[in-house]
């Protein structure tokens, strides 16, 4: 007799989350550890600092964190638990339940994924789930130009894709080289793709 492994729900995931030993996501009913290189973390930290500077300067009602777990749903209806590399949420939403843990069911204002070897997750699965959840803005930061030419073109160069919610779905813009990244969440943000690449501290790509 073949035994079928029980798929975890989002509530199960939060209850079983392995505290103090890394970052995890709920993917297809299983808890999966998310590994990031130091370069990826450098990029995420750079963006957190840039976003925080804008929040302080303009007194915006946002909180930025690198450890916000969110509940998403696949097209099949299966619950997923995602942990964006950077998450921006309204402070009023975050502080509505300050005694709660870091998990949210409400849409973020902005989610950022720093692309690594599992780049298809960011370009396909998470894009679909974040759009389905109604996240207002989603960045795919492909600073290593690691995705296929179907996305990056030829030659492949570091690119940031910004998906913005318009009407009932995402519209996408791509930014490269010294182009300033345009963000609806942070309309006065002064960050270029080149700055993001340099923030990784990788000497040569």
N, C-alpha and C. Protein backbone atom coordinates (compact mmCIF):
# COMPACT_ATOMS: atom_id res chain seq x y z
N UNK A 1 0.84 -1.20 0.00
CA UNK A 1 0.00 0.00 0.00
C UNK A 1 0.88 1.25 0.00
N UNK A 2 0.60 2.16 -0.91
CA UNK A 2 1.37 3.39 -1.02
C UNK A 2 0.75 4.44 -0.10
N UNK A 3 1.56 5.02 0.78
CA UNK A 3 1.07 6.06 1.68
C UNK A 3 1.33 7.43 1.07
N UNK A 4 0.31 8.26 1.06
CA UNK A 4 0.43 9.62 0.53
C UNK A 4 0.80 10.57 1.65
N UNK A 5 1.84 11.35 1.42
CA UNK A 5 2.29 12.30 2.43
C UNK A 5 1.27 13.43 2.57
N UNK A 6 0.91 13.75 3.82
CA UNK A 6 -0.08 14.78 4.08
C UNK A 6 0.48 16.15 3.71
N UNK A 7 -0.29 16.91 2.94
CA UNK A 7 0.10 18.26 2.57
C UNK A 7 -0.24 19.22 3.70
N UNK A 8 0.73 20.05 4.07
CA UNK A 8 0.52 20.99 5.16
C UNK A 8 -0.30 22.19 4.69
N UNK A 9 -1.14 22.71 5.57
CA UNK A 9 -1.83 23.97 5.32
C UNK A 9 -0.95 25.11 5.79
N UNK A 10 -1.37 26.34 5.51
CA UNK A 10 -0.62 27.50 5.97
C UNK A 10 -0.59 27.55 7.49
N UNK A 11 -1.69 27.21 8.14
CA UNK A 11 -1.74 27.17 9.61
C UNK A 11 -0.77 26.13 10.15
N UNK A 12 -0.70 24.96 9.50
CA UNK A 12 0.27 23.93 9.90
C UNK A 12 1.69 24.46 9.78
N UNK A 13 1.95 25.15 8.68
CA UNK A 13 3.28 25.71 8.40
C UNK A 13 3.72 26.65 9.50
N UNK A 14 2.84 27.55 9.92
CA UNK A 14 3.18 28.50 10.98
C UNK A 14 3.45 27.77 12.29
N UNK A 15 2.67 26.74 12.55
CA UNK A 15 2.83 25.99 13.80
C UNK A 15 4.13 25.20 13.83
N UNK A 16 4.53 24.68 12.66
CA UNK A 16 5.71 23.81 12.59
C UNK A 16 6.97 24.56 12.15
N UNK A 17 6.87 25.87 11.94
CA UNK A 17 8.00 26.64 11.41
C UNK A 17 9.24 26.45 12.30
N UNK A 18 10.37 26.02 11.72
CA UNK A 18 11.58 25.76 12.53
C UNK A 18 12.27 27.07 12.95
N UNK A 19 11.94 27.59 14.09
CA UNK A 19 12.49 28.86 14.56
C UNK A 19 13.99 28.78 14.78
N UNK A 20 14.67 29.88 14.45
CA UNK A 20 16.08 30.03 14.79
C UNK A 20 17.05 29.26 13.92
N UNK A 21 16.57 28.68 12.82
CA UNK A 21 17.49 27.87 12.01
C UNK A 21 17.41 28.20 10.53
N UNK A 22 17.05 29.44 10.20
CA UNK A 22 17.01 29.84 8.80
C UNK A 22 15.64 30.34 8.37
N UNK A 23 15.50 30.51 7.05
CA UNK A 23 14.26 30.99 6.45
C UNK A 23 13.61 29.84 5.71
N UNK A 24 12.30 29.72 5.87
CA UNK A 24 11.56 28.62 5.26
C UNK A 24 10.33 29.13 4.53
N UNK A 25 9.89 28.34 3.54
CA UNK A 25 8.64 28.60 2.84
C UNK A 25 7.81 27.32 2.80
N UNK A 26 6.52 27.49 2.64
CA UNK A 26 5.62 26.36 2.41
C UNK A 26 5.40 26.26 0.91
N UNK A 27 5.90 25.18 0.32
CA UNK A 27 5.83 25.00 -1.13
C UNK A 27 5.21 23.64 -1.43
N UNK A 28 4.07 23.66 -2.11
CA UNK A 28 3.38 22.42 -2.47
C UNK A 28 3.14 21.52 -1.27
N UNK A 29 2.78 22.16 -0.15
CA UNK A 29 2.42 21.40 1.04
C UNK A 29 3.57 20.93 1.89
N UNK A 30 4.81 21.32 1.55
CA UNK A 30 5.98 20.90 2.32
C UNK A 30 6.80 22.11 2.74
N UNK A 31 7.46 22.00 3.90
CA UNK A 31 8.33 23.07 4.40
C UNK A 31 9.69 22.96 3.72
N UNK A 32 10.09 24.05 3.07
CA UNK A 32 11.33 24.06 2.29
C UNK A 32 12.23 25.17 2.81
N UNK A 33 13.50 24.84 3.08
CA UNK A 33 14.45 25.86 3.53
C UNK A 33 14.90 26.70 2.34
N UNK A 34 14.93 28.02 2.56
CA UNK A 34 15.33 28.97 1.51
C UNK A 34 16.76 29.42 1.80
N UNK A 35 17.65 29.13 0.88
CA UNK A 35 19.06 29.48 1.06
C UNK A 35 19.39 30.73 0.23
N UNK A 36 20.11 31.68 0.83
CA UNK A 36 20.54 32.88 0.12
C UNK A 36 22.05 33.05 0.26
N UNK A 37 22.71 33.46 -0.82
CA UNK A 37 24.13 33.75 -0.73
C UNK A 37 24.33 35.08 0.00
N UNK A 38 25.54 35.34 0.40
CA UNK A 38 25.84 36.63 1.05
C UNK A 38 25.61 37.78 0.07
N UNK A 39 25.90 37.55 -1.20
CA UNK A 39 25.67 38.59 -2.21
C UNK A 39 24.17 38.92 -2.31
N UNK A 40 23.34 37.87 -2.33
CA UNK A 40 21.89 38.09 -2.36
C UNK A 40 21.44 38.90 -1.14
N UNK A 41 21.99 38.55 0.02
CA UNK A 41 21.62 39.27 1.25
C UNK A 41 22.10 40.71 1.21
N UNK A 42 23.25 40.94 0.61
CA UNK A 42 23.75 42.32 0.47
C UNK A 42 22.77 43.17 -0.35
N UNK A 43 22.27 42.57 -1.43
CA UNK A 43 21.30 43.28 -2.29
C UNK A 43 20.03 43.58 -1.51
N UNK A 44 19.53 42.59 -0.78
CA UNK A 44 18.31 42.78 0.00
C UNK A 44 18.50 43.87 1.05
N UNK A 45 19.66 43.86 1.72
CA UNK A 45 19.93 44.87 2.75
C UNK A 45 20.02 46.27 2.14
N UNK A 46 20.62 46.35 0.96
CA UNK A 46 20.73 47.64 0.27
C UNK A 46 19.34 48.20 -0.02
N UNK A 47 18.43 47.35 -0.48
CA UNK A 47 17.08 47.81 -0.79
C UNK A 47 16.31 48.17 0.47
N UNK A 48 16.49 47.39 1.53
CA UNK A 48 15.84 47.72 2.81
C UNK A 48 16.28 49.10 3.28
N UNK A 49 17.57 49.38 3.20
CA UNK A 49 18.08 50.69 3.62
C UNK A 49 17.50 51.80 2.75
N UNK A 50 17.47 51.58 1.43
CA UNK A 50 16.93 52.59 0.52
C UNK A 50 15.46 52.86 0.78
N UNK A 51 14.68 51.80 1.00
CA UNK A 51 13.26 51.97 1.28
C UNK A 51 13.04 52.66 2.62
N UNK A 52 13.82 52.26 3.62
CA UNK A 52 13.69 52.88 4.94
C UNK A 52 14.02 54.37 4.91
N UNK A 53 15.02 54.73 4.13
CA UNK A 53 15.37 56.15 3.99
C UNK A 53 14.19 56.94 3.44
N UNK A 54 13.51 56.38 2.44
CA UNK A 54 12.35 57.06 1.85
C UNK A 54 11.19 57.15 2.86
N UNK A 55 11.00 56.10 3.62
CA UNK A 55 9.93 56.09 4.62
C UNK A 55 10.17 57.17 5.66
N UNK A 56 11.42 57.28 6.12
CA UNK A 56 11.75 58.30 7.13
C UNK A 56 11.67 59.70 6.54
N UNK A 57 12.21 59.88 5.33
CA UNK A 57 12.27 61.20 4.72
C UNK A 57 10.88 61.75 4.42
N UNK A 58 10.00 60.88 3.94
CA UNK A 58 8.67 61.32 3.51
C UNK A 58 7.57 61.00 4.53
N UNK A 59 7.99 60.39 5.65
CA UNK A 59 7.04 60.02 6.71
C UNK A 59 5.90 59.17 6.16
N UNK A 60 6.27 58.10 5.47
CA UNK A 60 5.29 57.21 4.85
C UNK A 60 4.80 56.16 5.84
N UNK A 61 3.59 55.69 5.63
CA UNK A 61 2.96 54.71 6.52
C UNK A 61 3.34 53.29 6.10
N UNK A 62 4.66 53.01 6.10
CA UNK A 62 5.14 51.70 5.69
C UNK A 62 6.14 51.15 6.71
N UNK A 63 6.22 49.83 6.72
CA UNK A 63 7.26 49.12 7.47
C UNK A 63 7.95 48.18 6.48
N UNK A 64 9.28 48.13 6.54
CA UNK A 64 10.07 47.26 5.68
C UNK A 64 10.71 46.18 6.52
N UNK A 65 10.68 44.96 6.03
CA UNK A 65 11.30 43.86 6.77
C UNK A 65 11.76 42.79 5.79
N UNK A 66 12.78 42.03 6.20
CA UNK A 66 13.26 40.92 5.38
C UNK A 66 12.70 39.58 5.85
N UNK A 67 11.77 39.61 6.78
CA UNK A 67 11.27 38.36 7.34
C UNK A 67 9.76 38.43 7.57
N UNK A 68 9.02 38.73 6.49
CA UNK A 68 7.56 38.75 6.56
C UNK A 68 7.03 37.55 5.80
N UNK A 69 6.41 36.64 6.50
CA UNK A 69 5.81 35.47 5.87
C UNK A 69 4.40 35.84 5.42
N UNK A 70 4.06 35.49 4.19
CA UNK A 70 2.73 35.79 3.67
C UNK A 70 2.06 34.52 3.14
N UNK A 71 0.75 34.49 3.26
CA UNK A 71 -0.03 33.38 2.74
C UNK A 71 -0.44 33.70 1.30
N UNK A 72 -0.06 32.82 0.38
CA UNK A 72 -0.49 32.95 -1.01
C UNK A 72 -1.27 31.69 -1.39
N UNK A 73 -1.88 31.74 -2.56
CA UNK A 73 -2.67 30.60 -3.02
C UNK A 73 -2.34 30.34 -4.49
N UNK A 74 -2.11 29.07 -4.82
CA UNK A 74 -1.87 28.68 -6.20
C UNK A 74 -3.18 28.67 -6.98
N UNK A 75 -3.08 28.54 -8.29
CA UNK A 75 -4.27 28.48 -9.13
C UNK A 75 -5.16 27.30 -8.74
N UNK A 76 -4.55 26.25 -8.24
CA UNK A 76 -5.29 25.06 -7.81
C UNK A 76 -6.05 25.27 -6.50
N UNK A 77 -5.74 26.39 -5.80
CA UNK A 77 -6.34 26.65 -4.51
C UNK A 77 -5.47 26.22 -3.33
N UNK A 78 -4.34 25.56 -3.61
CA UNK A 78 -3.45 25.12 -2.54
C UNK A 78 -2.74 26.30 -1.90
N UNK A 79 -2.70 26.31 -0.56
CA UNK A 79 -2.05 27.38 0.18
C UNK A 79 -0.53 27.24 0.11
N UNK A 80 0.14 28.38 -0.02
CA UNK A 80 1.59 28.45 0.02
C UNK A 80 1.99 29.44 1.11
N UNK A 81 3.18 29.31 1.64
CA UNK A 81 3.72 30.28 2.58
C UNK A 81 5.00 30.84 2.01
N UNK A 82 5.00 32.11 1.65
CA UNK A 82 6.15 32.73 1.00
C UNK A 82 6.81 33.74 1.93
N UNK A 83 8.11 33.90 1.72
CA UNK A 83 8.89 34.84 2.52
C UNK A 83 9.74 35.68 1.56
N UNK A 84 9.18 36.80 1.05
CA UNK A 84 9.94 37.61 0.09
C UNK A 84 11.28 38.08 0.68
N UNK A 85 12.25 38.30 -0.18
CA UNK A 85 13.56 38.79 0.28
C UNK A 85 13.41 40.16 0.95
N UNK A 86 12.48 40.96 0.45
CA UNK A 86 12.13 42.24 1.09
C UNK A 86 10.62 42.39 0.99
N UNK A 87 10.00 42.79 2.09
CA UNK A 87 8.56 43.04 2.09
C UNK A 87 8.27 44.43 2.64
N UNK A 88 7.34 45.12 2.00
CA UNK A 88 6.89 46.43 2.47
C UNK A 88 5.40 46.33 2.74
N UNK A 89 5.00 46.67 3.97
CA UNK A 89 3.61 46.57 4.37
C UNK A 89 3.18 47.88 5.02
N UNK A 90 1.91 48.21 4.91
CA UNK A 90 1.41 49.41 5.59
C UNK A 90 1.58 49.25 7.09
N UNK A 91 2.10 50.29 7.74
CA UNK A 91 2.31 50.24 9.19
C UNK A 91 1.00 50.01 9.91
N UNK A 92 -0.08 50.58 9.40
CA UNK A 92 -1.39 50.41 10.04
C UNK A 92 -1.84 48.95 10.00
N UNK A 93 -1.50 48.23 8.93
CA UNK A 93 -1.83 46.81 8.84
C UNK A 93 -0.94 46.01 9.79
N UNK A 94 0.36 46.29 9.75
CA UNK A 94 1.31 45.58 10.60
C UNK A 94 0.98 45.75 12.08
N UNK A 95 0.65 46.98 12.49
CA UNK A 95 0.43 47.28 13.91
C UNK A 95 -0.98 47.00 14.39
N UNK A 96 -1.84 46.51 13.48
CA UNK A 96 -3.19 46.16 13.90
C UNK A 96 -3.21 44.94 14.81
N UNK A 97 -2.11 44.16 14.77
CA UNK A 97 -2.00 42.98 15.64
C UNK A 97 -0.55 42.78 16.02
N UNK A 98 -0.04 43.68 16.85
CA UNK A 98 1.39 43.65 17.17
C UNK A 98 1.78 42.44 18.03
N UNK A 99 0.82 41.80 18.66
CA UNK A 99 1.12 40.61 19.45
C UNK A 99 1.20 39.36 18.58
N UNK A 100 0.80 39.49 17.33
CA UNK A 100 0.85 38.35 16.43
C UNK A 100 2.26 38.10 15.92
N UNK A 101 2.43 36.97 15.26
CA UNK A 101 3.72 36.66 14.66
C UNK A 101 3.82 37.32 13.29
N UNK A 102 4.92 37.07 12.59
CA UNK A 102 5.21 37.83 11.38
C UNK A 102 4.39 37.49 10.16
N UNK A 103 3.50 36.51 10.25
CA UNK A 103 2.75 36.07 9.08
C UNK A 103 1.60 37.01 8.77
N UNK A 104 1.37 37.24 7.49
CA UNK A 104 0.29 38.10 7.03
C UNK A 104 -0.57 37.37 6.01
N UNK A 105 -1.85 37.67 6.03
CA UNK A 105 -2.75 37.19 4.97
C UNK A 105 -3.16 38.33 4.05
N UNK A 106 -2.91 39.59 4.50
CA UNK A 106 -3.21 40.75 3.67
C UNK A 106 -2.11 40.95 2.62
N UNK A 107 -2.47 41.55 1.49
CA UNK A 107 -1.45 41.82 0.46
C UNK A 107 -0.41 42.82 0.94
N UNK A 108 0.85 42.59 0.58
CA UNK A 108 1.90 43.58 0.82
C UNK A 108 1.74 44.73 -0.17
N UNK A 109 2.35 45.86 0.18
CA UNK A 109 2.43 46.97 -0.78
C UNK A 109 3.49 46.67 -1.83
N UNK A 110 4.58 46.04 -1.38
CA UNK A 110 5.70 45.75 -2.28
C UNK A 110 6.40 44.50 -1.82
N UNK A 111 6.65 43.58 -2.74
CA UNK A 111 7.45 42.38 -2.48
C UNK A 111 8.63 42.38 -3.43
N UNK A 112 9.80 42.02 -2.92
CA UNK A 112 11.02 41.95 -3.74
C UNK A 112 11.58 40.54 -3.64
N UNK A 113 11.88 39.96 -4.78
CA UNK A 113 12.62 38.70 -4.82
C UNK A 113 13.94 38.92 -5.53
N UNK A 114 15.03 38.58 -4.84
CA UNK A 114 16.37 38.65 -5.41
C UNK A 114 16.65 37.29 -6.05
N UNK A 115 16.77 37.28 -7.35
CA UNK A 115 16.79 36.02 -8.09
C UNK A 115 18.10 35.26 -7.92
N UNK A 116 17.97 33.94 -7.73
CA UNK A 116 19.14 33.07 -7.63
C UNK A 116 18.93 31.87 -8.55
N UNK A 117 19.55 30.74 -8.24
CA UNK A 117 19.52 29.60 -9.17
C UNK A 117 18.12 29.06 -9.41
N UNK A 118 17.22 29.24 -8.44
CA UNK A 118 15.83 28.79 -8.63
C UNK A 118 14.98 29.93 -9.20
N UNK A 119 15.51 30.58 -10.23
CA UNK A 119 14.91 31.81 -10.76
C UNK A 119 13.50 31.60 -11.28
N UNK A 120 13.18 30.40 -11.74
CA UNK A 120 11.84 30.17 -12.28
C UNK A 120 10.75 30.35 -11.21
N UNK A 121 11.09 30.09 -9.95
CA UNK A 121 10.13 30.34 -8.87
C UNK A 121 9.69 31.80 -8.86
N UNK A 122 10.67 32.71 -9.03
CA UNK A 122 10.37 34.15 -8.97
C UNK A 122 9.62 34.61 -10.22
N UNK A 123 10.05 34.12 -11.38
CA UNK A 123 9.49 34.58 -12.65
C UNK A 123 8.13 33.95 -12.97
N UNK A 124 7.86 32.78 -12.40
CA UNK A 124 6.64 32.06 -12.76
C UNK A 124 5.72 31.88 -11.55
N UNK A 125 6.16 31.07 -10.60
CA UNK A 125 5.29 30.69 -9.47
C UNK A 125 4.93 31.88 -8.58
N UNK A 126 5.95 32.59 -8.11
CA UNK A 126 5.68 33.70 -7.19
C UNK A 126 4.98 34.85 -7.91
N UNK A 127 5.33 35.07 -9.17
CA UNK A 127 4.64 36.11 -9.94
C UNK A 127 3.13 35.82 -9.96
N UNK A 128 2.78 34.58 -10.25
CA UNK A 128 1.36 34.21 -10.29
C UNK A 128 0.70 34.35 -8.92
N UNK A 129 1.39 33.87 -7.87
CA UNK A 129 0.82 33.90 -6.53
C UNK A 129 0.69 35.34 -6.01
N UNK A 130 1.69 36.17 -6.27
CA UNK A 130 1.64 37.55 -5.77
C UNK A 130 0.57 38.35 -6.51
N UNK A 131 0.42 38.09 -7.80
CA UNK A 131 -0.64 38.75 -8.55
C UNK A 131 -2.00 38.27 -8.05
N UNK A 132 -2.14 36.98 -7.79
CA UNK A 132 -3.39 36.42 -7.30
C UNK A 132 -3.77 37.01 -5.94
N UNK A 133 -2.75 37.27 -5.09
CA UNK A 133 -2.98 37.86 -3.77
C UNK A 133 -3.34 39.33 -3.86
N UNK A 134 -2.87 39.99 -4.93
CA UNK A 134 -3.15 41.42 -5.08
C UNK A 134 -2.07 42.32 -4.51
N UNK A 135 -0.82 41.80 -4.45
CA UNK A 135 0.30 42.63 -4.01
C UNK A 135 0.48 43.78 -5.01
N UNK A 136 0.54 45.00 -4.49
CA UNK A 136 0.48 46.19 -5.35
C UNK A 136 1.68 46.30 -6.29
N UNK A 137 2.84 45.87 -5.83
CA UNK A 137 4.06 46.03 -6.63
C UNK A 137 5.00 44.87 -6.32
N UNK A 138 5.60 44.31 -7.37
CA UNK A 138 6.49 43.16 -7.23
C UNK A 138 7.73 43.38 -8.07
N UNK A 139 8.91 43.32 -7.38
CA UNK A 139 10.18 43.47 -8.08
C UNK A 139 10.85 42.11 -8.20
N UNK A 140 11.33 41.79 -9.40
CA UNK A 140 12.25 40.67 -9.60
C UNK A 140 13.61 41.29 -9.87
N UNK A 141 14.53 41.10 -8.94
CA UNK A 141 15.86 41.71 -9.03
C UNK A 141 16.85 40.66 -9.54
N UNK A 142 17.06 40.64 -10.84
CA UNK A 142 17.94 39.65 -11.46
C UNK A 142 19.30 40.29 -11.70
N UNK A 143 20.01 40.56 -10.61
CA UNK A 143 21.28 41.29 -10.70
C UNK A 143 22.40 40.44 -11.28
N UNK A 144 22.22 39.13 -11.32
CA UNK A 144 23.21 38.23 -11.92
C UNK A 144 22.88 37.88 -13.37
N UNK A 145 21.74 38.39 -13.86
CA UNK A 145 21.27 38.04 -15.21
C UNK A 145 21.24 36.53 -15.38
N UNK A 146 20.56 35.88 -14.44
CA UNK A 146 20.61 34.43 -14.35
C UNK A 146 19.45 33.74 -15.07
N UNK A 147 18.37 34.47 -15.34
CA UNK A 147 17.22 33.87 -16.02
C UNK A 147 17.54 33.62 -17.49
N UNK A 148 16.61 32.99 -18.17
CA UNK A 148 16.84 32.65 -19.58
C UNK A 148 16.73 33.89 -20.48
N UNK A 149 17.20 33.75 -21.71
CA UNK A 149 17.14 34.85 -22.68
C UNK A 149 15.69 35.21 -23.03
N UNK A 150 14.78 34.29 -22.81
CA UNK A 150 13.37 34.59 -23.07
C UNK A 150 12.90 35.76 -22.22
N UNK A 151 13.51 35.92 -21.05
CA UNK A 151 13.16 37.02 -20.15
C UNK A 151 14.13 38.20 -20.30
N UNK A 152 15.42 37.89 -20.43
CA UNK A 152 16.45 38.93 -20.36
C UNK A 152 16.92 39.43 -21.72
N UNK A 153 16.59 38.71 -22.78
CA UNK A 153 17.09 39.08 -24.10
C UNK A 153 18.51 38.60 -24.32
N UNK A 154 19.08 39.01 -25.44
CA UNK A 154 20.43 38.59 -25.80
C UNK A 154 21.22 39.79 -26.30
N UNK A 155 22.33 40.17 -25.64
CA UNK A 155 22.95 39.47 -24.51
C UNK A 155 22.19 39.69 -23.20
N UNK A 156 22.39 38.77 -22.29
CA UNK A 156 21.74 38.89 -20.99
C UNK A 156 22.50 39.91 -20.14
N UNK A 157 21.75 40.83 -19.53
CA UNK A 157 22.35 41.83 -18.65
C UNK A 157 21.51 41.91 -17.38
N UNK A 158 22.11 42.36 -16.26
CA UNK A 158 21.35 42.52 -15.03
C UNK A 158 20.11 43.39 -15.25
N UNK A 159 18.99 42.92 -14.75
CA UNK A 159 17.71 43.58 -15.00
C UNK A 159 16.84 43.53 -13.75
N UNK A 160 16.10 44.61 -13.53
CA UNK A 160 15.07 44.63 -12.50
C UNK A 160 13.72 44.78 -13.19
N UNK A 161 12.85 43.83 -12.95
CA UNK A 161 11.49 43.88 -13.49
C UNK A 161 10.55 44.37 -12.39
N UNK A 162 9.77 45.38 -12.69
CA UNK A 162 8.81 45.93 -11.74
C UNK A 162 7.40 45.69 -12.27
N UNK A 163 6.66 44.87 -11.52
CA UNK A 163 5.27 44.58 -11.85
C UNK A 163 4.38 45.45 -10.97
N UNK A 164 3.55 46.27 -11.59
CA UNK A 164 2.68 47.19 -10.86
C UNK A 164 1.22 46.84 -11.13
N UNK A 165 0.42 46.89 -10.08
CA UNK A 165 -0.99 46.54 -10.20
C UNK A 165 -1.74 47.66 -10.92
N UNK A 166 -2.38 47.29 -12.02
CA UNK A 166 -3.19 48.23 -12.79
C UNK A 166 -4.52 47.57 -13.09
N UNK A 167 -5.61 48.19 -12.67
CA UNK A 167 -6.95 47.64 -12.88
C UNK A 167 -7.07 46.27 -12.23
N UNK A 168 -6.96 45.18 -12.99
CA UNK A 168 -7.14 43.86 -12.38
C UNK A 168 -5.95 42.93 -12.66
N UNK A 169 -4.77 43.50 -12.86
CA UNK A 169 -3.60 42.66 -13.10
C UNK A 169 -2.33 43.47 -13.16
N UNK A 170 -1.22 42.78 -13.41
CA UNK A 170 0.09 43.41 -13.42
C UNK A 170 0.46 43.96 -14.80
N UNK A 171 1.10 45.13 -14.78
CA UNK A 171 1.84 45.63 -15.94
C UNK A 171 3.31 45.64 -15.55
N UNK A 172 4.19 45.32 -16.48
CA UNK A 172 5.60 45.17 -16.15
C UNK A 172 6.46 46.18 -16.89
N UNK A 173 7.47 46.71 -16.19
CA UNK A 173 8.52 47.53 -16.80
C UNK A 173 9.86 46.90 -16.42
N UNK A 174 10.82 47.01 -17.34
CA UNK A 174 12.16 46.47 -17.06
C UNK A 174 13.17 47.61 -17.05
N UNK A 175 14.17 47.48 -16.17
CA UNK A 175 15.19 48.51 -15.99
C UNK A 175 16.57 47.86 -16.02
N UNK A 176 17.53 48.57 -16.67
CA UNK A 176 18.88 48.03 -16.81
C UNK A 176 19.91 49.16 -16.65
N UNK A 177 21.16 48.74 -16.43
CA UNK A 177 22.30 49.66 -16.39
C UNK A 177 22.08 50.81 -15.40
N UNK A 178 22.19 52.04 -15.86
CA UNK A 178 22.08 53.19 -14.96
C UNK A 178 20.67 53.78 -14.94
N UNK A 179 19.69 53.00 -15.39
CA UNK A 179 18.31 53.48 -15.36
C UNK A 179 17.79 53.53 -13.92
N UNK A 180 17.12 54.62 -13.61
CA UNK A 180 16.48 54.75 -12.30
C UNK A 180 15.24 53.87 -12.28
N UNK A 181 15.11 53.05 -11.23
CA UNK A 181 13.97 52.15 -11.11
C UNK A 181 12.74 52.94 -10.66
N UNK A 182 11.67 52.85 -11.44
CA UNK A 182 10.45 53.59 -11.15
C UNK A 182 9.51 52.73 -10.31
N UNK A 183 9.12 53.30 -9.17
CA UNK A 183 8.29 52.57 -8.21
C UNK A 183 7.09 53.41 -7.82
N UNK A 184 5.90 52.80 -7.86
CA UNK A 184 4.71 53.51 -7.40
C UNK A 184 4.68 53.61 -5.88
N UNK A 185 5.26 52.62 -5.21
CA UNK A 185 5.30 52.64 -3.75
C UNK A 185 6.22 53.73 -3.24
N UNK A 186 7.35 53.90 -3.93
CA UNK A 186 8.34 54.92 -3.56
C UNK A 186 8.65 55.77 -4.79
N UNK A 187 7.75 56.69 -5.15
CA UNK A 187 7.87 57.42 -6.42
C UNK A 187 9.10 58.31 -6.53
N UNK A 188 9.71 58.69 -5.40
CA UNK A 188 10.89 59.56 -5.45
C UNK A 188 12.19 58.79 -5.23
N UNK A 189 12.10 57.48 -5.22
CA UNK A 189 13.27 56.62 -4.97
C UNK A 189 14.33 56.85 -6.04
N UNK A 190 15.58 56.99 -5.61
CA UNK A 190 16.71 57.20 -6.53
C UNK A 190 17.66 56.01 -6.45
N UNK A 191 17.28 54.91 -7.06
CA UNK A 191 18.12 53.71 -7.09
C UNK A 191 18.18 53.20 -8.53
N UNK A 192 19.40 52.88 -8.98
CA UNK A 192 19.58 52.35 -10.33
C UNK A 192 19.96 50.87 -10.26
N UNK A 193 19.86 50.20 -11.39
CA UNK A 193 20.25 48.80 -11.46
C UNK A 193 21.75 48.65 -11.19
N UNK A 194 22.54 49.57 -11.70
CA UNK A 194 23.99 49.53 -11.46
C UNK A 194 24.30 49.58 -9.96
N UNK A 195 23.59 50.42 -9.23
CA UNK A 195 23.80 50.51 -7.78
C UNK A 195 23.46 49.19 -7.10
N UNK A 196 22.40 48.54 -7.55
CA UNK A 196 22.02 47.26 -6.98
C UNK A 196 23.10 46.22 -7.24
N UNK A 197 23.61 46.17 -8.48
CA UNK A 197 24.67 45.23 -8.81
C UNK A 197 25.89 45.47 -7.93
N UNK A 198 26.30 46.75 -7.77
CA UNK A 198 27.46 47.07 -6.93
C UNK A 198 27.22 46.69 -5.48
N UNK A 199 25.99 46.81 -5.02
CA UNK A 199 25.69 46.51 -3.61
C UNK A 199 25.92 45.04 -3.27
N UNK A 200 25.92 44.18 -4.28
CA UNK A 200 26.14 42.74 -4.04
C UNK A 200 27.56 42.48 -3.56
N UNK A 201 28.47 43.38 -3.88
CA UNK A 201 29.89 43.25 -3.56
C UNK A 201 30.59 42.16 -4.37
N UNK A 202 29.94 41.68 -5.42
CA UNK A 202 30.60 40.76 -6.35
C UNK A 202 31.47 41.61 -7.28
N UNK A 203 32.74 41.28 -7.36
CA UNK A 203 33.67 42.13 -8.09
C UNK A 203 33.48 42.04 -9.60
N UNK A 204 33.23 40.86 -10.11
CA UNK A 204 33.00 40.69 -11.54
C UNK A 204 31.85 39.71 -11.73
N UNK A 205 30.98 40.01 -12.70
CA UNK A 205 29.86 39.11 -12.99
C UNK A 205 30.24 38.17 -14.13
